[in-house]
Amino acid sequence: MEHHLKKALVIGATGAVGRDLVDILLKGERYSSVATFARRDLGIRHEKLTSYIVDFAYPEQWREFMQGDVLFSALGTSRKQAGSKEGQYRVDYEYN
């Protein structure tokens, strides 16, 4: 089966699921490039990786970079981490 190399986009790449996903995408051969969108630096350097530090509340500031073939979302939080039920809703629903 012939694979066409594609660009993967990952939002929420700094959490446990996101970090594992990025690792899998970088090690695999299906994607020629991976772009991540997160609130802080991933601390990962790889020839296939481009990382964007973004504020999810202002997508107009980074939407021009959201061009690729496949989008993965690992964006999510807990109520404790978000500080409130409203904060959790904002991340888990509105930002996604």
PDB file of N, CA and C in Angstrom:
ATOM      1  N   MET A   1       0.837  -1.180   0.000  1.00  0.00           N
ATOM      2  CA  MET A   1       0.000   0.000   0.000  1.00  0.00           C
ATOM      3  C   MET A   1       0.883   1.245   0.000  1.00  0.00           C
ATOM      4  N   GLU A   2       0.640   2.133  -0.916  1.00  0.00           N
ATOM      5  CA  GLU A   2       1.430   3.354  -1.024  1.00  0.00           C
ATOM      6  C   GLU A   2       0.921   4.391  -0.034  1.00  0.00           C
ATOM      7  N   HIS A   3       1.854   4.992   0.691  1.00  0.00           N
ATOM      8  CA  HIS A   3       1.497   6.047   1.642  1.00  0.00           C
ATOM      9  C   HIS A   3       1.877   7.398   1.049  1.00  0.00           C
ATOM     10  N   HIS A   4       0.964   8.323   1.122  1.00  0.00           N
ATOM     11  CA  HIS A   4       1.250   9.687   0.717  1.00  0.00           C
ATOM     12  C   HIS A   4       1.621  10.453   1.972  1.00  0.00           C
ATOM     13  N   LEU A   5       2.784  11.070   1.959  1.00  0.00           N
ATOM     14  CA  LEU A   5       3.228  11.807   3.131  1.00  0.00           C
ATOM     15  C   LEU A   5       2.358  13.037   3.322  1.00  0.00           C
ATOM     16  N   LYS A   6       1.950  13.251   4.547  1.00  0.00           N
ATOM     17  CA  LYS A   6       1.011  14.309   4.871  1.00  0.00           C
ATOM     18  C   LYS A   6       1.487  15.105   6.067  1.00  0.00           C
ATOM     19  N   LYS A   7       0.835  16.251   6.257  1.00  0.00           N
ATOM     20  CA  LYS A   7       1.131  17.100   7.406  1.00  0.00           C
ATOM     21  C   LYS A   7       0.054  16.888   8.467  1.00  0.00           C
ATOM     22  N   ALA A   8       0.505  16.579   9.684  1.00  0.00           N
ATOM     23  CA  ALA A   8      -0.403  16.402  10.815  1.00  0.00           C
ATOM     24  C   ALA A   8      -0.365  17.650  11.689  1.00  0.00           C
ATOM     25  N   LEU A   9      -1.522  18.046  12.188  1.00  0.00           N
ATOM     26  CA  LEU A   9      -1.646  19.153  13.132  1.00  0.00           C
ATOM     27  C   LEU A   9      -2.117  18.582  14.463  1.00  0.00           C
ATOM     28  N   VAL A  10      -1.529  19.032  15.565  1.00  0.00           N
ATOM     29  CA  VAL A  10      -1.915  18.546  16.891  1.00  0.00           C
ATOM     30  C   VAL A  10      -2.143  19.747  17.797  1.00  0.00           C
ATOM     31  N   ILE A  11      -3.364  19.859  18.351  1.00  0.00           N
ATOM     32  CA  ILE A  11      -3.615  20.885  19.367  1.00  0.00           C
ATOM     33  C   ILE A  11      -3.681  20.183  20.720  1.00  0.00           C
ATOM     34  N   GLY A  12      -3.154  20.855  21.731  1.00  0.00           N
ATOM     35  CA  GLY A  12      -3.111  20.255  23.058  1.00  0.00           C
ATOM     36  C   GLY A  12      -1.987  19.244  23.177  1.00  0.00           C
ATOM     37  N   ALA A  13      -0.817  19.590  22.686  1.00  0.00           N
ATOM     38  CA  ALA A  13       0.284  18.636  22.589  1.00  0.00           C
ATOM     39  C   ALA A  13       1.126  18.500  23.852  1.00  0.00           C
ATOM     40  N   THR A  14       0.848  19.284  24.898  1.00  0.00           N
ATOM     41  CA  THR A  14       1.705  19.223  26.086  1.00  0.00           C
ATOM     42  C   THR A  14       1.190  18.278  27.169  1.00  0.00           C
ATOM     43  N   GLY A  15      -0.041  17.820  27.058  1.00  0.00           N
ATOM     44  CA  GLY A  15      -0.563  16.879  28.045  1.00  0.00           C
ATOM     45  C   GLY A  15      -0.056  15.472  27.777  1.00  0.00           C
ATOM     46  N   ALA A  16      -0.408  14.550  28.644  1.00  0.00           N
ATOM     47  CA  ALA A  16       0.071  13.167  28.524  1.00  0.00           C
ATOM     48  C   ALA A  16      -0.329  12.534  27.196  1.00  0.00           C
ATOM     49  N   VAL A  17      -1.580  12.674  26.810  1.00  0.00           N
ATOM     50  CA  VAL A  17      -2.061  12.088  25.555  1.00  0.00           C
ATOM     51  C   VAL A  17      -1.409  12.786  24.360  1.00  0.00           C
ATOM     52  N   GLY A  18      -1.367  14.118  24.402  1.00  0.00           N
ATOM     53  CA  GLY A  18      -0.781  14.877  23.309  1.00  0.00           C
ATOM     54  C   GLY A  18       0.688  14.562  23.097  1.00  0.00           C
ATOM     55  N   ARG A  19       1.449  14.450  24.184  1.00  0.00           N
ATOM     56  CA  ARG A  19       2.879  14.150  24.077  1.00  0.00           C
ATOM     57  C   ARG A  19       3.094  12.765  23.463  1.00  0.00           C
ATOM     58  N   ASP A  20       2.313  11.795  23.897  1.00  0.00           N
ATOM     59  CA  ASP A  20       2.433  10.448  23.327  1.00  0.00           C
ATOM     60  C   ASP A  20       2.060  10.447  21.852  1.00  0.00           C
ATOM     61  N   LEU A  21       1.014  11.168  21.504  1.00  0.00           N
ATOM     62  CA  LEU A  21       0.579  11.252  20.112  1.00  0.00           C
ATOM     63  C   LEU A  21       1.669  11.877  19.241  1.00  0.00           C
ATOM     64  N   VAL A  22       2.236  12.982  19.682  1.00  0.00           N
ATOM     65  CA  VAL A  22       3.296  13.644  18.915  1.00  0.00           C
ATOM     66  C   VAL A  22       4.481  12.702  18.734  1.00  0.00           C
ATOM     67  N   ASP A  23       4.840  11.989  19.775  1.00  0.00           N
ATOM     68  CA  ASP A  23       5.942  11.027  19.695  1.00  0.00           C
ATOM     69  C   ASP A  23       5.671   9.971  18.629  1.00  0.00           C
ATOM     70  N   ILE A  24       4.459   9.443  18.611  1.00  0.00           N
ATOM     71  CA  ILE A  24       4.072   8.422  17.618  1.00  0.00           C
ATOM     72  C   ILE A  24       4.116   9.007  16.206  1.00  0.00           C
ATOM     73  N   LEU A  25       3.582  10.220  16.041  1.00  0.00           N
ATOM     74  CA  LEU A  25       3.559  10.845  14.715  1.00  0.00           C
ATOM     75  C   LEU A  25       4.960  11.137  14.202  1.00  0.00           C
ATOM     76  N   LEU A  26       5.857  11.561  15.088  1.00  0.00           N
ATOM     77  CA  LEU A  26       7.226  11.872  14.673  1.00  0.00           C
ATOM     78  C   LEU A  26       8.014  10.616  14.313  1.00  0.00           C
ATOM     79  N   LYS A  27       7.769   9.526  15.035  1.00  0.00           N
ATOM     80  CA  LYS A  27       8.494   8.275  14.776  1.00  0.00           C
ATOM     81  C   LYS A  27       7.975   7.544  13.550  1.00  0.00           C
ATOM     82  N   GLY A  28       6.711   7.761  13.222  1.00  0.00           N
ATOM     83  CA  GLY A  28       6.107   7.059  12.094  1.00  0.00           C
ATOM     84  C   GLY A  28       6.506   7.653  10.760  1.00  0.00           C
ATOM     85  N   GLU A  29       6.155   6.962   9.706  1.00  0.00           N
ATOM     86  CA  GLU A  29       6.488   7.397   8.353  1.00  0.00           C
ATOM     87  C   GLU A  29       5.292   7.960   7.591  1.00  0.00           C
ATOM     88  N   ARG A  30       4.121   7.912   8.167  1.00  0.00           N
ATOM     89  CA  ARG A  30       2.915   8.368   7.475  1.00  0.00           C
ATOM     90  C   ARG A  30       2.888   9.881   7.268  1.00  0.00           C
ATOM     91  N   TYR A  31       3.484  10.627   8.213  1.00  0.00           N
ATOM     92  CA  TYR A  31       3.450  12.088   8.149  1.00  0.00           C
ATOM     93  C   TYR A  31       4.851  12.644   7.921  1.00  0.00           C
ATOM     94  N   SER A  32       4.961  13.517   6.934  1.00  0.00           N
ATOM     95  CA  SER A  32       6.253  14.129   6.626  1.00  0.00           C
ATOM     96  C   SER A  32       6.543  15.311   7.544  1.00  0.00           C
ATOM     97  N   SER A  33       5.476  15.900   8.111  1.00  0.00           N
ATOM     98  CA  SER A  33       5.670  16.998   9.051  1.00  0.00           C
ATOM     99  C   SER A  33       4.539  17.009  10.079  1.00  0.00           C
ATOM    100  N   VAL A  34       4.872  17.546  11.245  1.00  0.00           N
ATOM    101  CA  VAL A  34       3.929  17.638  12.354  1.00  0.00           C
ATOM    102  C   VAL A  34       4.013  19.058  12.905  1.00  0.00           C
ATOM    103  N   ALA A  35       2.874  19.723  13.004  1.00  0.00           N
ATOM    104  CA  ALA A  35       2.803  21.052  13.610  1.00  0.00           C
ATOM    105  C   ALA A  35       1.976  20.943  14.882  1.00  0.00           C
ATOM    106  N   THR A  36       2.525  21.463  15.974  1.00  0.00           N
ATOM    107  CA  THR A  36       1.811  21.424  17.242  1.00  0.00           C
ATOM    108  C   THR A  36       1.411  22.822  17.665  1.00  0.00           C
ATOM    109  N   PHE A  37       0.298  22.894  18.384  1.00  0.00           N
ATOM    110  CA  PHE A  37      -0.251  24.149  18.895  1.00  0.00           C
ATOM    111  C   PHE A  37      -0.529  23.932  20.370  1.00  0.00           C
ATOM    112  N   ALA A  38       0.222  24.662  21.218  1.00  0.00           N
ATOM    113  CA  ALA A  38       0.115  24.455  22.659  1.00  0.00           C
ATOM    114  C   ALA A  38       0.370  25.766  23.389  1.00  0.00           C
ATOM    115  N   ARG A  39       0.039  25.782  24.676  1.00  0.00           N
ATOM    116  CA  ARG A  39       0.218  26.986  25.495  1.00  0.00           C
ATOM    117  C   ARG A  39       1.664  27.207  25.908  1.00  0.00           C
ATOM    118  N   ARG A  40       2.460  26.147  25.870  1.00  0.00           N
ATOM    119  CA  ARG A  40       3.866  26.267  26.279  1.00  0.00           C
ATOM    120  C   ARG A  40       4.736  25.359  25.411  1.00  0.00           C
ATOM    121  N   ASP A  41       6.029  25.584  25.501  1.00  0.00           N
ATOM    122  CA  ASP A  41       6.982  24.827  24.705  1.00  0.00           C
ATOM    123  C   ASP A  41       6.928  23.348  25.059  1.00  0.00           C
ATOM    124  N   LEU A  42       6.974  22.514  24.049  1.00  0.00           N
ATOM    125  CA  LEU A  42       6.948  21.066  24.257  1.00  0.00           C
ATOM    126  C   LEU A  42       8.265  20.529  24.781  1.00  0.00           C
ATOM    127  N   GLY A  43       9.349  21.240  24.495  1.00  0.00           N
ATOM    128  CA  GLY A  43      10.661  20.753  24.895  1.00  0.00           C
ATOM    129  C   GLY A  43      11.153  19.635  24.001  1.00  0.00           C
ATOM    130  N   ILE A  44      10.588  19.533  22.808  1.00  0.00           N
ATOM    131  CA  ILE A  44      10.966  18.489  21.850  1.00  0.00           C
ATOM    132  C   ILE A  44      11.531  19.166  20.611  1.00  0.00           C
ATOM    133  N   ARG A  45      12.621  18.639  20.097  1.00  0.00           N
ATOM    134  CA  ARG A  45      13.192  19.118  18.838  1.00  0.00           C
ATOM    135  C   ARG A  45      13.261  17.931  17.889  1.00  0.00           C
ATOM    136  N   HIS A  46      12.755  18.119  16.683  1.00  0.00           N
ATOM    137  CA  HIS A  46      12.758  17.050  15.682  1.00  0.00           C
ATOM    138  C   HIS A  46      12.674  17.698  14.311  1.00  0.00           C
ATOM    139  N   GLU A  47      13.320  17.100  13.329  1.00  0.00           N
ATOM    140  CA  GLU A  47      13.342  17.686  11.980  1.00  0.00           C
ATOM    141  C   GLU A  47      11.946  17.800  11.358  1.00  0.00           C
ATOM    142  N   LYS A  48      11.014  16.957  11.756  1.00  0.00           N
ATOM    143  CA  LYS A  48       9.655  16.998  11.199  1.00  0.00           C
ATOM    144  C   LYS A  48       8.718  17.929  11.980  1.00  0.00           C
ATOM    145  N   LEU A  49       9.191  18.474  13.094  1.00  0.00           N
ATOM    146  CA  LEU A  49       8.323  19.206  14.023  1.00  0.00           C
ATOM    147  C   LEU A  49       8.431  20.719  13.897  1.00  0.00           C
ATOM    148  N   THR A  50       7.269  21.359  13.844  1.00  0.00           N
ATOM    149  CA  THR A  50       7.155  22.811  13.977  1.00  0.00           C
ATOM    150  C   THR A  50       6.187  23.056  15.125  1.00  0.00           C
ATOM    151  N   SER A  51       6.640  23.803  16.126  1.00  0.00           N
ATOM    152  CA  SER A  51       5.812  24.059  17.307  1.00  0.00           C
ATOM    153  C   SER A  51       5.385  25.521  17.369  1.00  0.00           C
ATOM    154  N   TYR A  52       4.118  25.725  17.672  1.00  0.00           N
ATOM    155  CA  TYR A  52       3.576  27.063  17.846  1.00  0.00           C
ATOM    156  C   TYR A  52       3.064  27.186  19.275  1.00  0.00           C
ATOM    157  N   ILE A  53       3.498  28.239  19.966  1.00  0.00           N
ATOM    158  CA  ILE A  53       2.968  28.540  21.293  1.00  0.00           C
ATOM    159  C   ILE A  53       1.845  29.541  21.068  1.00  0.00           C
ATOM    160  N   VAL A  54       0.632  29.163  21.492  1.00  0.00           N
ATOM    161  CA  VAL A  54      -0.548  29.955  21.172  1.00  0.00           C
ATOM    162  C   VAL A  54      -1.407  30.194  22.406  1.00  0.00           C
ATOM    163  N   ASP A  55      -2.280  31.172  22.278  1.00  0.00           N
ATOM    164  CA  ASP A  55      -3.323  31.413  23.264  1.00  0.00           C
ATOM    165  C   ASP A  55      -4.616  30.954  22.593  1.00  0.00           C
ATOM    166  N   PHE A  56      -5.182  29.872  23.081  1.00  0.00           N
ATOM    167  CA  PHE A  56      -6.364  29.295  22.454  1.00  0.00           C
ATOM    168  C   PHE A  56      -7.569  30.236  22.465  1.00  0.00           C
ATOM    169  N   ALA A  57      -7.537  31.253  23.311  1.00  0.00           N
ATOM    170  CA  ALA A  57      -8.632  32.219  23.364  1.00  0.00           C
ATOM    171  C   ALA A  57      -8.612  33.171  22.170  1.00  0.00           C
ATOM    172  N   TYR A  58      -7.499  33.206  21.443  1.00  0.00           N
ATOM    173  CA  TYR A  58      -7.353  34.137  20.315  1.00  0.00           C
ATOM    174  C   TYR A  58      -6.924  33.391  19.044  1.00  0.00           C
ATOM    175  N   PRO A  59      -7.780  32.549  18.495  1.00  0.00           N
ATOM    176  CA  PRO A  59      -7.401  31.746  17.318  1.00  0.00           C
ATOM    177  C   PRO A  59      -7.072  32.589  16.090  1.00  0.00           C
ATOM    178  N   GLU A  60      -7.588  33.812  16.027  1.00  0.00           N
ATOM    179  CA  GLU A  60      -7.285  34.650  14.870  1.00  0.00           C
ATOM    180  C   GLU A  60      -5.793  34.977  14.802  1.00  0.00           C
ATOM    181  N   GLN A  61      -5.074  34.849  15.905  1.00  0.00           N
ATOM    182  CA  GLN A  61      -3.637  35.146  15.925  1.00  0.00           C
ATOM    183  C   GLN A  61      -2.794  34.010  15.354  1.00  0.00           C
ATOM    184  N   TRP A  62      -3.364  32.814  15.253  1.00  0.00           N
ATOM    185  CA  TRP A  62      -2.577  31.670  14.779  1.00  0.00           C
ATOM    186  C   TRP A  62      -3.282  30.801  13.747  1.00  0.00           C
ATOM    187  N   ARG A  63      -4.495  31.157  13.360  1.00  0.00           N
ATOM    188  CA  ARG A  63      -5.253  30.299  12.440  1.00  0.00           C
ATOM    189  C   ARG A  63      -4.576  30.137  11.087  1.00  0.00           C
ATOM    190  N   GLU A  64      -3.788  31.121  10.652  1.00  0.00           N
ATOM    191  CA  GLU A  64      -3.112  31.017   9.351  1.00  0.00           C
ATOM    192  C   GLU A  64      -2.119  29.857   9.317  1.00  0.00           C
ATOM    193  N   PHE A  65      -1.661  29.397  10.474  1.00  0.00           N
ATOM    194  CA  PHE A  65      -0.714  28.276  10.545  1.00  0.00           C
ATOM    195  C   PHE A  65      -1.414  26.925  10.601  1.00  0.00           C
ATOM    196  N   MET A  66      -2.744  26.926  10.719  1.00  0.00           N
ATOM    197  CA  MET A  66      -3.530  25.691  10.830  1.00  0.00           C
ATOM    198  C   MET A  66      -3.837  25.126   9.449  1.00  0.00           C
ATOM    199  N   GLN A  67      -2.802  24.780   8.740  1.00  0.00           N
ATOM    200  CA  GLN A  67      -2.970  24.191   7.418  1.00  0.00           C
ATOM    201  C   GLN A  67      -2.254  22.850   7.394  1.00  0.00           C
ATOM    202  N   GLY A  68      -3.005  21.812   7.085  1.00  0.00           N
ATOM    203  CA  GLY A  68      -2.446  20.471   7.055  1.00  0.00           C
ATOM    204  C   GLY A  68      -3.466  19.503   6.500  1.00  0.00           C
ATOM    205  N   ASP A  69      -3.164  18.238   6.638  1.00  0.00           N
ATOM    206  CA  ASP A  69      -4.031  17.193   6.099  1.00  0.00           C
ATOM    207  C   ASP A  69      -4.907  16.522   7.148  1.00  0.00           C
ATOM    208  N   VAL A  70      -4.391  16.421   8.387  1.00  0.00           N
ATOM    209  CA  VAL A  70      -5.112  15.731   9.457  1.00  0.00           C
ATOM    210  C   VAL A  70      -4.941  16.547  10.737  1.00  0.00           C
ATOM    211  N   LEU A  71      -6.052  16.758  11.453  1.00  0.00           N
ATOM    212  CA  LEU A  71      -6.012  17.482  12.720  1.00  0.00           C
ATOM    213  C   LEU A  71      -6.339  16.525  13.858  1.00  0.00           C
ATOM    214  N   PHE A  72      -5.451  16.490  14.849  1.00  0.00           N
ATOM    215  CA  PHE A  72      -5.676  15.714  16.062  1.00  0.00           C
ATOM    216  C   PHE A  72      -5.868  16.694  17.204  1.00  0.00           C
ATOM    217  N   SER A  73      -6.874  16.466  18.038  1.00  0.00           N
ATOM    218  CA  SER A  73      -7.054  17.299  19.220  1.00  0.00           C
ATOM    219  C   SER A  73      -6.882  16.461  20.474  1.00  0.00           C
ATOM    220  N   ALA A  74      -5.906  16.832  21.271  1.00  0.00           N
ATOM    221  CA  ALA A  74      -5.702  16.226  22.589  1.00  0.00           C
ATOM    222  C   ALA A  74      -5.901  17.311  23.643  1.00  0.00           C
ATOM    223  N   LEU A  75      -6.643  18.349  23.268  1.00  0.00           N
ATOM    224  CA  LEU A  75      -6.858  19.496  24.137  1.00  0.00           C
ATOM    225  C   LEU A  75      -7.950  19.173  25.152  1.00  0.00           C
ATOM    226  N   GLY A  76      -7.599  19.278  26.411  1.00  0.00           N
ATOM    227  CA  GLY A  76      -8.561  19.019  27.474  1.00  0.00           C
ATOM    228  C   GLY A  76      -7.932  19.350  28.815  1.00  0.00           C
ATOM    229  N   THR A  77      -8.758  19.457  29.822  1.00  0.00           N
ATOM    230  CA  THR A  77      -8.260  19.789  31.157  1.00  0.00           C
ATOM    231  C   THR A  77      -9.189  19.208  32.212  1.00  0.00           C
ATOM    232  N   SER A  78      -8.751  19.268  33.442  1.00  0.00           N
ATOM    233  CA  SER A  78      -9.598  18.869  34.570  1.00  0.00           C
ATOM    234  C   SER A  78     -10.179  20.128  35.205  1.00  0.00           C
ATOM    235  N   ARG A  79     -11.225  19.969  35.962  1.00  0.00           N
ATOM    236  CA  ARG A  79     -11.827  21.112  36.659  1.00  0.00           C
ATOM    237  C   ARG A  79     -10.810  21.724  37.631  1.00  0.00           C
ATOM    238  N   LYS A  80     -10.056  20.853  38.307  1.00  0.00           N
ATOM    239  CA  LYS A  80      -9.055  21.340  39.260  1.00  0.00           C
ATOM    240  C   LYS A  80      -7.995  22.175  38.538  1.00  0.00           C
ATOM    241  N   GLN A  81      -7.493  21.671  37.431  1.00  0.00           N
ATOM    242  CA  GLN A  81      -6.455  22.382  36.688  1.00  0.00           C
ATOM    243  C   GLN A  81      -6.986  23.696  36.088  1.00  0.00           C
ATOM    244  N   ALA A  82      -8.232  23.671  35.625  1.00  0.00           N
ATOM    245  CA  ALA A  82      -8.830  24.869  35.019  1.00  0.00           C
ATOM    246  C   ALA A  82      -9.245  25.896  36.065  1.00  0.00           C
ATOM    247  N   GLY A  83      -9.440  25.451  37.296  1.00  0.00           N
ATOM    248  CA  GLY A  83      -9.798  26.373  38.365  1.00  0.00           C
ATOM    249  C   GLY A  83     -11.287  26.540  38.598  1.00  0.00           C
ATOM    250  N   SER A  84     -12.111  26.088  37.640  1.00  0.00           N
ATOM    251  CA  SER A  84     -13.561  26.198  37.804  1.00  0.00           C
ATOM    252  C   SER A  84     -14.255  25.347  36.755  1.00  0.00           C
ATOM    253  N   LYS A  85     -15.548  25.130  36.974  1.00  0.00           N
ATOM    254  CA  LYS A  85     -16.355  24.403  35.997  1.00  0.00           C
ATOM    255  C   LYS A  85     -16.404  25.175  34.679  1.00  0.00           C
ATOM    256  N   GLU A  86     -16.500  26.501  34.779  1.00  0.00           N
ATOM    257  CA  GLU A  86     -16.548  27.348  33.578  1.00  0.00           C
ATOM    258  C   GLU A  86     -15.227  27.292  32.813  1.00  0.00           C
ATOM    259  N   GLY A  87     -14.121  27.304  33.550  1.00  0.00           N
ATOM    260  CA  GLY A  87     -12.805  27.212  32.917  1.00  0.00           C
ATOM    261  C   GLY A  87     -12.616  25.892  32.198  1.00  0.00           C
ATOM    262  N   GLN A  88     -13.075  24.819  32.819  1.00  0.00           N
ATOM    263  CA  GLN A  88     -12.986  23.506  32.185  1.00  0.00           C
ATOM    264  C   GLN A  88     -13.850  23.469  30.922  1.00  0.00           C
ATOM    265  N   TYR A  89     -15.039  24.013  30.984  1.00  0.00           N
ATOM    266  CA  TYR A  89     -15.934  24.051  29.823  1.00  0.00           C
ATOM    267  C   TYR A  89     -15.288  24.830  28.679  1.00  0.00           C
ATOM    268  N   ARG A  90     -14.645  25.948  29.011  1.00  0.00           N
ATOM    269  CA  ARG A  90     -13.998  26.775  27.992  1.00  0.00           C
ATOM    270  C   ARG A  90     -12.941  25.962  27.238  1.00  0.00           C
ATOM    271  N   VAL A  91     -12.089  25.246  27.970  1.00  0.00           N
ATOM    272  CA  VAL A  91     -11.035  24.457  27.325  1.00  0.00           C
ATOM    273  C   VAL A  91     -11.614  23.243  26.602  1.00  0.00           C
ATOM    274  N   ASP A  92     -12.438  22.460  27.292  1.00  0.00           N
ATOM    275  CA  ASP A  92     -12.921  21.196  26.735  1.00  0.00           C
ATOM    276  C   ASP A  92     -13.935  21.364  25.618  1.00  0.00           C
ATOM    277  N   TYR A  93     -14.706  22.437  25.636  1.00  0.00           N
ATOM    278  CA  TYR A  93     -15.749  22.623  24.624  1.00  0.00           C
ATOM    279  C   TYR A  93     -15.445  23.781  23.685  1.00  0.00           C
ATOM    280  N   GLU A  94     -15.309  24.995  24.243  1.00  0.00           N
ATOM    281  CA  GLU A  94     -15.161  26.178  23.374  1.00  0.00           C
ATOM    282  C   GLU A  94     -13.872  26.162  22.572  1.00  0.00           C
ATOM    283  N   TYR A  95     -12.752  25.858  23.205  1.00  0.00           N
ATOM    284  CA  TYR A  95     -11.480  25.874  22.477  1.00  0.00           C
ATOM    285  C   TYR A  95     -11.436  24.778  21.419  1.00  0.00           C
ATOM    286  N   ASN A  96     -11.983  23.630  21.732  1.00  0.00           N
ATOM    287  CA  ASN A  96     -12.020  22.550  20.729  1.00  0.00           C
ATOM    288  C   ASN A  96     -12.941  22.937  19.591  1.00  0.00           C
TER     289      ASN A  96
END
